[in-house]
Amino acid sequence: MDQSGQQHQQGAGGGGGSQISRTAGLPLSDFLMQLEDYNPTIPDAVTAYYLNTSGFEAADGRLVRLISLAAQKFISDITNDALQHCKMRGSQQSSSKTKGKDKRFTLTMEDLTPVLAEYGITVKKPHYYI
């Protein structure tokens, strides 16, 4: 009797597992529906071009948009880290120059190079500019 009780629980657990997998897919489908209405900063045509040049054929436009969103997040993380690097470098150079003003920052290779190195991207600038 104990044996059949365990089998009954396993059977109920198996049915519950399929129910859980059905409900787990609902948030993903909701996300994909919301993704259709969202326009990322990087246009779908640009993302599709680079995907095609790398040999990736995307039949579903939502997939291209999802990759555009991931690329936007990646670029946003890099620029945010570069901004923090710029602020740290600026606070070390002069702390009393612009206390009351809104300070504007410029993205330079000096700030971008160490941040890109953290992400595994090596940037080398030429010795001279033409």
Foldseek 3Di string as FASTA:
>chain_A
DVVVVVVVVVVVVVVVVVVVVVVVCVVVVVVLVVLVVDQAPDHLVVQCVVCVVVPHDDPDSSVSSVVSVVVSVVVVVLVVQLVVQQVVVVCVVDPPDPPPDDDDDDRDCVSRQVSVVVVVDHDDDDPDDD
